[in-house]
Amino acid sequence: MSLQLPNPQQTVNEIVSFLQQTYTAVQKTQAVIAVSGGIDSALSLTLVVRALSAQNVIAVAMPYGDQDIADSKMILEFNQIPQENWQVINIKSVVDAAAEIVGIGTEDKIRLGNLMARTRMMMIYDLAKKHDALVCGTENKSEKYLGYFTRFGDEASDVEPIVGLYKTQVHQLAEFLNLPLKIRLKPPTAELWDGQTDEAELGFTYEVADQVLEQLIAGTEITGIEPELVKKVVERIEEMEFKQRVPYTLNK
């Protein structure tokens, strides 16, 4: 199994170099990034700060209502983001107004969660326009292949620093960079509703998913995982495979 990063420092160097080359190529000097307080956004923020410097990173937290942003502030302080580069946008009024217009009730958690994700996308791209910046995404490889994202929402970005890393590798790199322990130990969540966690919604852990994904992508026989769990992961991948293809087009 190759899920263990053999050389974390080399991985950091490669990602930082990729970010620097990308921003230089499109003649942008600033990044805008949504910081949720989770490990993916924390690691992405840390890497883009290393690439561009803290002065060139605009970080924004976008809670819905009274969602806690203490962990977002923690990772900002860890990366020494200047106060003037830090913004909080509460999306509740926008989400609630849109939900009322299209008739989304509080019981329809999936539609409401998607609306939250797409509202955050609108806000982050407006800030990118304001600052002439590129949006730095926070998606990892596990989420991508599992389709665990909202189309045109949290998956929308201009550059993705950690999309080549499985979730378990995200944890390895976060530990290597000594990110705050509280953030590293948090259950993964998209914070789309109270008590929501990725793994409870998926029905399996990222550790299991990553082992299945690695073997599946490599085209080898899947071993070491209970068949029922393998079935769940594979069914999830197949069910969400369309997300990797949209939009469908008629080529001429």
C-alpha atoms as a PDB file:
ATOM      1  CA  MET A   1       0.000   0.000   0.000  1.00  0.00           C
ATOM      2  CA  SER A   2       1.376   3.448  -0.923  1.00  0.00           C
ATOM      3  CA  LEU A   3      -0.920   5.577   1.226  1.00  0.00           C
ATOM      4  CA  GLN A   4       1.982   6.386   3.527  1.00  0.00           C
ATOM      5  CA  LEU A   5       3.791   9.459   2.227  1.00  0.00           C
ATOM      6  CA  PRO A   6       7.435   8.345   1.857  1.00  0.00           C
ATOM      7  CA  ASN A   7       8.809  11.876   1.981  1.00  0.00           C
ATOM      8  CA  PRO A   8       6.427  14.489   3.450  1.00  0.00           C
ATOM      9  CA  GLN A   9       8.906  17.339   2.959  1.00  0.00           C
ATOM     10  CA  GLN A  10       9.197  16.528  -0.730  1.00  0.00           C
ATOM     11  CA  THR A  11       5.399  16.520  -1.000  1.00  0.00           C
ATOM     12  CA  VAL A  12       5.254  19.950   0.638  1.00  0.00           C
ATOM     13  CA  ASN A  13       7.946  21.255  -1.703  1.00  0.00           C
ATOM     14  CA  GLU A  14       6.154  19.914  -4.786  1.00  0.00           C
ATOM     15  CA  ILE A  15       2.808  21.456  -3.803  1.00  0.00           C
ATOM     16  CA  VAL A  16       4.367  24.806  -2.903  1.00  0.00           C
ATOM     17  CA  SER A  17       6.252  24.870  -6.196  1.00  0.00           C
ATOM     18  CA  PHE A  18       3.066  23.973  -8.097  1.00  0.00           C
ATOM     19  CA  LEU A  19       1.200  26.840  -6.429  1.00  0.00           C
ATOM     20  CA  GLN A  20       3.961  29.339  -7.116  1.00  0.00           C
ATOM     21  CA  GLN A  21       4.243  28.324 -10.759  1.00  0.00           C
ATOM     22  CA  THR A  22       0.462  28.436 -11.236  1.00  0.00           C
ATOM     23  CA  TYR A  23      -0.002  31.883  -9.733  1.00  0.00           C
ATOM     24  CA  THR A  24       2.976  33.203 -11.690  1.00  0.00           C
ATOM     25  CA  ALA A  25       1.689  31.712 -14.940  1.00  0.00           C
ATOM     26  CA  VAL A  26      -1.651  33.528 -14.677  1.00  0.00           C
ATOM     27  CA  GLN A  27      -0.027  36.691 -13.295  1.00  0.00           C
ATOM     28  CA  LYS A  28      -1.827  36.645  -9.966  1.00  0.00           C
ATOM     29  CA  THR A  29      -0.157  37.375  -6.647  1.00  0.00           C
ATOM     30  CA  GLN A  30      -3.012  36.801  -4.204  1.00  0.00           C
ATOM     31  CA  ALA A  31      -5.118  33.833  -3.134  1.00  0.00           C
ATOM     32  CA  VAL A  32      -8.589  33.780  -1.605  1.00  0.00           C
ATOM     33  CA  ILE A  33      -9.448  30.702   0.436  1.00  0.00           C
ATOM     34  CA  ALA A  34     -12.460  29.591   2.471  1.00  0.00           C
ATOM     35  CA  VAL A  35     -11.377  28.438   5.927  1.00  0.00           C
ATOM     36  CA  SER A  36     -13.851  26.173   7.697  1.00  0.00           C
ATOM     37  CA  GLY A  37     -11.641  25.087  10.574  1.00  0.00           C
ATOM     38  CA  GLY A  38     -11.398  21.544   9.195  1.00  0.00           C
ATOM     39  CA  ILE A  39      -8.186  19.770   8.310  1.00  0.00           C
ATOM     40  CA  ASP A  40      -8.476  20.146   4.526  1.00  0.00           C
ATOM     41  CA  SER A  41      -8.850  23.919   4.540  1.00  0.00           C
ATOM     42  CA  ALA A  42      -6.248  24.180   7.308  1.00  0.00           C
ATOM     43  CA  LEU A  43      -3.665  22.266   5.285  1.00  0.00           C
ATOM     44  CA  SER A  44      -4.526  24.083   2.050  1.00  0.00           C
ATOM     45  CA  LEU A  45      -4.193  27.433   3.804  1.00  0.00           C
ATOM     46  CA  THR A  46      -0.840  26.459   5.308  1.00  0.00           C
ATOM     47  CA  LEU A  47       0.505  25.395   1.915  1.00  0.00           C
ATOM     48  CA  VAL A  48      -0.683  28.462   0.013  1.00  0.00           C
ATOM     49  CA  VAL A  49       0.793  30.697   2.727  1.00  0.00           C
ATOM     50  CA  ARG A  50       4.134  28.955   2.235  1.00  0.00           C
ATOM     51  CA  ALA A  51       3.826  29.547  -1.501  1.00  0.00           C
ATOM     52  CA  LEU A  52       2.663  33.169  -1.552  1.00  0.00           C
ATOM     53  CA  SER A  53       3.268  34.510   2.014  1.00  0.00           C
ATOM     54  CA  ALA A  54       0.611  35.317   4.594  1.00  0.00           C
ATOM     55  CA  GLN A  55       0.340  38.903   3.338  1.00  0.00           C
ATOM     56  CA  ASN A  56      -0.926  37.636  -0.027  1.00  0.00           C
ATOM     57  CA  VAL A  57      -3.622  35.290   1.279  1.00  0.00           C
ATOM     58  CA  ILE A  58      -7.176  36.486   1.956  1.00  0.00           C
ATOM     59  CA  ALA A  59      -8.951  34.028   4.243  1.00  0.00           C
ATOM     60  CA  VAL A  60     -12.693  33.981   4.811  1.00  0.00           C
ATOM     61  CA  ALA A  61     -14.912  32.053   7.202  1.00  0.00           C
ATOM     62  CA  MET A  62     -18.530  31.641   6.099  1.00  0.00           C
ATOM     63  CA  PRO A  63     -20.605  30.302   8.989  1.00  0.00           C
ATOM     64  CA  TYR A  64     -24.325  29.714   8.749  1.00  0.00           C
ATOM     65  CA  GLY A  65     -25.940  31.400  11.729  1.00  0.00           C
ATOM     66  CA  ASP A  66     -24.204  30.628  15.013  1.00  0.00           C
ATOM     67  CA  GLN A  67     -21.730  28.042  13.690  1.00  0.00           C
ATOM     68  CA  ASP A  68     -18.501  28.215  15.692  1.00  0.00           C
ATOM     69  CA  ILE A  69     -15.486  29.696  13.871  1.00  0.00           C
ATOM     70  CA  ALA A  70     -12.968  29.310  16.707  1.00  0.00           C
ATOM     71  CA  ASP A  71     -11.002  26.638  14.829  1.00  0.00           C
ATOM     72  CA  SER A  72     -10.872  28.842  11.736  1.00  0.00           C
ATOM     73  CA  LYS A  73      -9.331  31.577  13.844  1.00  0.00           C
ATOM     74  CA  MET A  74      -6.897  29.064  15.306  1.00  0.00           C
ATOM     75  CA  ILE A  75      -5.448  28.080  11.933  1.00  0.00           C
ATOM     76  CA  LEU A  76      -5.300  31.731  10.841  1.00  0.00           C
ATOM     77  CA  GLU A  77      -3.251  32.571  13.908  1.00  0.00           C
ATOM     78  CA  PHE A  78      -1.087  29.495  13.276  1.00  0.00           C
ATOM     79  CA  ASN A  79      -0.304  30.865   9.809  1.00  0.00           C
ATOM     80  CA  GLN A  80       0.031  34.482  11.008  1.00  0.00           C
ATOM     81  CA  ILE A  81      -2.593  35.790   8.610  1.00  0.00           C
ATOM     82  CA  PRO A  82      -2.787  39.593   9.052  1.00  0.00           C
ATOM     83  CA  GLN A  83      -6.025  40.827  10.598  1.00  0.00           C
ATOM     84  CA  GLU A  84      -6.800  42.903   7.513  1.00  0.00           C
ATOM     85  CA  ASN A  85      -6.700  39.735   5.381  1.00  0.00           C
ATOM     86  CA  TRP A  86      -9.272  37.934   7.517  1.00  0.00           C
ATOM     87  CA  GLN A  87     -13.008  38.202   6.903  1.00  0.00           C
ATOM     88  CA  VAL A  88     -16.175  36.613   8.315  1.00  0.00           C
ATOM     89  CA  ILE A  89     -19.292  36.435   6.143  1.00  0.00           C
ATOM     90  CA  ASN A  90     -22.379  34.952   7.765  1.00  0.00           C
ATOM     91  CA  ILE A  91     -24.346  33.329   4.941  1.00  0.00           C
ATOM     92  CA  LYS A  92     -27.585  32.737   6.885  1.00  0.00           C
ATOM     93  CA  SER A  93     -29.577  35.685   5.519  1.00  0.00           C
ATOM     94  CA  VAL A  94     -28.676  34.858   1.917  1.00  0.00           C
ATOM     95  CA  VAL A  95     -29.344  31.126   2.300  1.00  0.00           C
ATOM     96  CA  ASP A  96     -32.626  31.632   4.154  1.00  0.00           C
ATOM     97  CA  ALA A  97     -33.890  34.125   1.579  1.00  0.00           C
ATOM     98  CA  ALA A  98     -33.004  31.840  -1.333  1.00  0.00           C
ATOM     99  CA  ALA A  99     -34.478  28.806   0.449  1.00  0.00           C
ATOM    100  CA  GLU A 100     -37.764  30.636   0.950  1.00  0.00           C
ATOM    101  CA  ILE A 101     -37.897  31.678  -2.698  1.00  0.00           C
ATOM    102  CA  VAL A 102     -37.412  28.148  -4.057  1.00  0.00           C
ATOM    103  CA  GLY A 103     -39.317  26.406  -1.278  1.00  0.00           C
ATOM    104  CA  ILE A 104     -36.615  24.523   0.615  1.00  0.00           C
ATOM    105  CA  GLY A 105     -37.745  23.521   4.113  1.00  0.00           C
ATOM    106  CA  THR A 106     -35.449  22.865   7.056  1.00  0.00           C
ATOM    107  CA  GLU A 107     -36.223  19.139   6.781  1.00  0.00           C
ATOM    108  CA  ASP A 108     -34.686  18.985   3.281  1.00  0.00           C
ATOM    109  CA  LYS A 109     -31.096  18.841   4.536  1.00  0.00           C
ATOM    110  CA  ILE A 110     -29.446  17.895   1.244  1.00  0.00           C
ATOM    111  CA  ARG A 111     -30.964  20.730  -0.791  1.00  0.00           C
ATOM    112  CA  LEU A 112     -30.324  23.211   2.004  1.00  0.00           C
ATOM    113  CA  GLY A 113     -26.740  21.995   2.369  1.00  0.00           C
ATOM    114  CA  ASN A 114     -26.162  22.353  -1.370  1.00  0.00           C
ATOM    115  CA  LEU A 115     -27.563  25.870  -1.209  1.00  0.00           C
ATOM    116  CA  MET A 116     -25.116  26.718   1.575  1.00  0.00           C
ATOM    117  CA  ALA A 117     -22.180  25.360  -0.426  1.00  0.00           C
ATOM    118  CA  ARG A 118     -23.164  27.312  -3.536  1.00  0.00           C
ATOM    119  CA  THR A 119     -23.716  30.479  -1.531  1.00  0.00           C
ATOM    120  CA  ARG A 120     -20.202  30.161  -0.148  1.00  0.00           C
ATOM    121  CA  MET A 121     -18.944  29.713  -3.710  1.00  0.00           C
ATOM    122  CA  MET A 122     -20.589  32.994  -4.759  1.00  0.00           C
ATOM    123  CA  MET A 123     -19.032  34.843  -1.849  1.00  0.00           C
ATOM    124  CA  ILE A 124     -15.522  33.474  -2.362  1.00  0.00           C
ATOM    125  CA  TYR A 125     -15.538  34.245  -6.079  1.00  0.00           C
ATOM    126  CA  ASP A 126     -16.770  37.772  -5.467  1.00  0.00           C
ATOM    127  CA  LEU A 127     -13.857  38.294  -3.078  1.00  0.00           C
ATOM    128  CA  ALA A 128     -11.480  36.880  -5.694  1.00  0.00           C
ATOM    129  CA  LYS A 129     -12.791  39.432  -8.184  1.00  0.00           C
ATOM    130  CA  LYS A 130     -12.439  42.227  -5.633  1.00  0.00           C
ATOM    131  CA  HIS A 131      -8.807  41.327  -4.881  1.00  0.00           C
ATOM    132  CA  ASP A 132      -7.824  40.198  -8.396  1.00  0.00           C
ATOM    133  CA  ALA A 133      -6.983  36.821  -6.878  1.00  0.00           C
ATOM    134  CA  LEU A 134      -7.349  33.123  -7.624  1.00  0.00           C
ATOM    135  CA  VAL A 135      -9.602  30.956  -5.487  1.00  0.00           C
ATOM    136  CA  CYS A 136      -7.572  28.283  -3.714  1.00  0.00           C
ATOM    137  CA  GLY A 137      -9.636  25.130  -3.234  1.00  0.00           C
ATOM    138  CA  THR A 138      -9.510  22.574  -0.424  1.00  0.00           C
ATOM    139  CA  GLU A 139     -10.675  19.302  -2.021  1.00  0.00           C
ATOM    140  CA  ASN A 140      -8.762  16.078  -1.409  1.00  0.00           C
ATOM    141  CA  LYS A 141      -8.458  13.012  -3.633  1.00  0.00           C
ATOM    142  CA  SER A 142     -10.824  10.893  -1.538  1.00  0.00           C
ATOM    143  CA  GLU A 143     -13.645  13.446  -1.753  1.00  0.00           C
ATOM    144  CA  LYS A 144     -13.103  13.821  -5.490  1.00  0.00           C
ATOM    145  CA  TYR A 145     -13.380  10.112  -6.311  1.00  0.00           C
ATOM    146  CA  LEU A 146     -16.243   9.553  -3.870  1.00  0.00           C
ATOM    147  CA  GLY A 147     -18.110  12.498  -5.359  1.00  0.00           C
ATOM    148  CA  TYR A 148     -18.385  13.938  -1.883  1.00  0.00           C
ATOM    149  CA  PHE A 149     -18.847  17.539  -2.911  1.00  0.00           C
ATOM    150  CA  THR A 150     -21.499  19.920  -4.172  1.00  0.00           C
ATOM    151  CA  ARG A 151     -21.168  20.619  -7.872  1.00  0.00           C
ATOM    152  CA  PHE A 152     -20.464  24.297  -8.469  1.00  0.00           C
ATOM    153  CA  GLY A 153     -20.222  24.717  -4.708  1.00  0.00           C
ATOM    154  CA  ASP A 154     -17.341  23.573  -2.503  1.00  0.00           C
ATOM    155  CA  GLU A 155     -15.641  21.917  -5.503  1.00  0.00           C
ATOM    156  CA  ALA A 156     -15.443  25.226  -7.401  1.00  0.00           C
ATOM    157  CA  SER A 157     -11.928  26.655  -7.428  1.00  0.00           C
ATOM    158  CA  ASP A 158      -9.133  28.000  -9.599  1.00  0.00           C
ATOM    159  CA  VAL A 159      -6.331  25.926  -8.108  1.00  0.00           C
ATOM    160  CA  GLU A 160      -6.356  22.784  -5.939  1.00  0.00           C
ATOM    161  CA  PRO A 161      -3.248  22.160  -3.780  1.00  0.00           C
ATOM    162  CA  ILE A 162      -4.269  18.882  -2.079  1.00  0.00           C
ATOM    163  CA  VAL A 163      -6.482  17.120  -4.634  1.00  0.00           C
ATOM    164  CA  GLY A 164      -3.628  14.651  -5.243  1.00  0.00           C
ATOM    165  CA  LEU A 165      -3.681  13.533  -1.588  1.00  0.00           C
ATOM    166  CA  TYR A 166      -5.981  10.919  -0.068  1.00  0.00           C
ATOM    167  CA  LYS A 167      -7.639  11.974   3.184  1.00  0.00           C
ATOM    168  CA  THR A 168      -5.281   9.772   5.192  1.00  0.00           C
ATOM    169  CA  GLN A 169      -2.333  11.516   3.489  1.00  0.00           C
ATOM    170  CA  VAL A 170      -3.848  14.900   4.337  1.00  0.00           C
ATOM    171  CA  HIS A 171      -3.636  13.849   7.987  1.00  0.00           C
ATOM    172  CA  GLN A 172      -0.029  12.729   7.535  1.00  0.00           C
ATOM    173  CA  LEU A 173       1.008  16.033   6.004  1.00  0.00           C
ATOM    174  CA  ALA A 174      -0.911  18.013   8.630  1.00  0.00           C
ATOM    175  CA  GLU A 175       0.949  16.129  11.345  1.00  0.00           C
ATOM    176  CA  PHE A 176       4.279  16.688   9.579  1.00  0.00           C
ATOM    177  CA  LEU A 177       3.591  20.437   9.445  1.00  0.00           C
ATOM    178  CA  ASN A 178       2.501  20.375  13.095  1.00  0.00           C
ATOM    179  CA  LEU A 179      -0.933  21.845  12.478  1.00  0.00           C
ATOM    180  CA  PRO A 180      -2.936  22.346  15.698  1.00  0.00           C
ATOM    181  CA  LEU A 181      -3.874  19.011  17.253  1.00  0.00           C
ATOM    182  CA  LYS A 182      -7.497  20.034  17.791  1.00  0.00           C
ATOM    183  CA  ILE A 183      -7.943  20.534  14.049  1.00  0.00           C
ATOM    184  CA  ARG A 184      -6.194  17.256  13.221  1.00  0.00           C
ATOM    185  CA  LEU A 185      -8.475  15.320  15.581  1.00  0.00           C
ATOM    186  CA  LYS A 186     -11.794  16.837  14.466  1.00  0.00           C
ATOM    187  CA  PRO A 187     -14.284  14.493  12.778  1.00  0.00           C
ATOM    188  CA  PRO A 188     -14.473  15.483   9.096  1.00  0.00           C
ATOM    189  CA  THR A 189     -17.587  17.538   8.410  1.00  0.00           C
ATOM    190  CA  ALA A 190     -18.912  19.845   5.704  1.00  0.00           C
ATOM    191  CA  GLU A 191     -20.895  21.657   8.446  1.00  0.00           C
ATOM    192  CA  LEU A 192     -24.051  21.571   6.351  1.00  0.00           C
ATOM    193  CA  TRP A 193     -26.263  20.831   9.371  1.00  0.00           C
ATOM    194  CA  ASP A 194     -25.868  20.271  13.102  1.00  0.00           C
ATOM    195  CA  GLY A 195     -24.092  17.023  13.911  1.00  0.00           C
ATOM    196  CA  GLN A 196     -23.311  16.213  10.282  1.00  0.00           C
ATOM    197  CA  THR A 197     -20.102  14.260   9.660  1.00  0.00           C
ATOM    198  CA  ASP A 198     -18.648  12.967   6.403  1.00  0.00           C
ATOM    199  CA  GLU A 199     -18.150   9.402   7.580  1.00  0.00           C
ATOM    200  CA  ALA A 200     -21.617   9.027   9.084  1.00  0.00           C
ATOM    201  CA  GLU A 201     -23.144  10.256   5.851  1.00  0.00           C
ATOM    202  CA  LEU A 202     -20.938   8.046   3.677  1.00  0.00           C
ATOM    203  CA  GLY A 203     -21.387   4.924   5.781  1.00  0.00           C
ATOM    204  CA  PHE A 204     -17.664   4.116   5.982  1.00  0.00           C
ATOM    205  CA  THR A 205     -14.452   5.723   7.198  1.00  0.00           C
ATOM    206  CA  TYR A 206     -11.949   7.551   5.039  1.00  0.00           C
ATOM    207  CA  GLU A 207      -9.335   5.015   6.109  1.00  0.00           C
ATOM    208  CA  VAL A 208     -11.392   2.233   4.533  1.00  0.00           C
ATOM    209  CA  ALA A 209     -12.321   4.328   1.496  1.00  0.00           C
ATOM    210  CA  ASP A 210      -8.701   5.262   0.811  1.00  0.00           C
ATOM    211  CA  GLN A 211      -7.527   1.656   0.862  1.00  0.00           C
ATOM    212  CA  VAL A 212     -10.274   0.655  -1.547  1.00  0.00           C
ATOM    213  CA  LEU A 213      -9.698   3.665  -3.792  1.00  0.00           C
ATOM    214  CA  GLU A 214      -5.959   3.102  -4.010  1.00  0.00           C
ATOM    215  CA  GLN A 215      -6.354  -0.512  -5.094  1.00  0.00           C
ATOM    216  CA  LEU A 216      -9.264   0.282  -7.401  1.00  0.00           C
ATOM    217  CA  ILE A 217      -7.389   3.068  -9.177  1.00  0.00           C
ATOM    218  CA  ALA A 218      -4.306   0.847  -9.483  1.00  0.00           C
ATOM    219  CA  GLY A 219      -6.445  -1.876 -11.046  1.00  0.00           C
ATOM    220  CA  THR A 220      -5.403  -4.483  -8.493  1.00  0.00           C
ATOM    221  CA  GLU A 221      -7.529  -6.961  -6.568  1.00  0.00           C
ATOM    222  CA  ILE A 222      -9.042  -5.307  -3.498  1.00  0.00           C
ATOM    223  CA  THR A 223      -7.827  -7.070  -0.372  1.00  0.00           C
ATOM    224  CA  GLY A 224      -7.656  -6.385   3.351  1.00  0.00           C
ATOM    225  CA  ILE A 225     -11.140  -4.844   3.613  1.00  0.00           C
ATOM    226  CA  GLU A 226     -14.430  -6.477   4.547  1.00  0.00           C
ATOM    227  CA  PRO A 227     -16.380  -7.280   1.353  1.00  0.00           C
ATOM    228  CA  GLU A 228     -19.461  -5.418   2.573  1.00  0.00           C
ATOM    229  CA  LEU A 229     -17.439  -2.238   3.076  1.00  0.00           C
ATOM    230  CA  VAL A 230     -15.768  -2.636  -0.322  1.00  0.00           C
ATOM    231  CA  LYS A 231     -19.251  -2.930  -1.829  1.00  0.00           C
ATOM    232  CA  LYS A 232     -20.373   0.285  -0.123  1.00  0.00           C
ATOM    233  CA  VAL A 233     -17.356   2.239  -1.358  1.00  0.00           C
ATOM    234  CA  VAL A 234     -17.608   0.926  -4.922  1.00  0.00           C
ATOM    235  CA  GLU A 235     -21.355   1.625  -5.033  1.00  0.00           C
ATOM    236  CA  ARG A 236     -20.706   5.185  -3.847  1.00  0.00           C
ATOM    237  CA  ILE A 237     -18.081   5.708  -6.566  1.00  0.00           C
ATOM    238  CA  GLU A 238     -20.375   4.332  -9.253  1.00  0.00           C
ATOM    239  CA  GLU A 239     -23.364   6.343  -8.050  1.00  0.00           C
ATOM    240  CA  MET A 240     -21.395   9.597  -8.092  1.00  0.00           C
ATOM    241  CA  GLU A 241     -19.332   8.916 -11.204  1.00  0.00           C
ATOM    242  CA  PHE A 242     -21.482  11.320 -13.217  1.00  0.00           C
ATOM    243  CA  LYS A 243     -20.038  14.183 -11.175  1.00  0.00           C
ATOM    244  CA  GLN A 244     -16.669  13.517 -12.789  1.00  0.00           C
ATOM    245  CA  ARG A 245     -18.205  13.996 -16.252  1.00  0.00           C
ATOM    246  CA  VAL A 246     -20.660  16.913 -16.085  1.00  0.00           C
ATOM    247  CA  PRO A 247     -21.397  18.924 -18.052  1.00  0.00           C
ATOM    248  CA  TYR A 248     -22.248  16.416 -20.780  1.00  0.00           C
ATOM    249  CA  THR A 249     -21.746  17.964 -24.191  1.00  0.00           C
ATOM    250  CA  LEU A 250     -22.369  17.207 -27.845  1.00  0.00           C
ATOM    251  CA  ASN A 251     -18.979  17.543 -29.506  1.00  0.00           C
ATOM    252  CA  LYS A 252     -18.999  19.086 -32.983  1.00  0.00           C
END
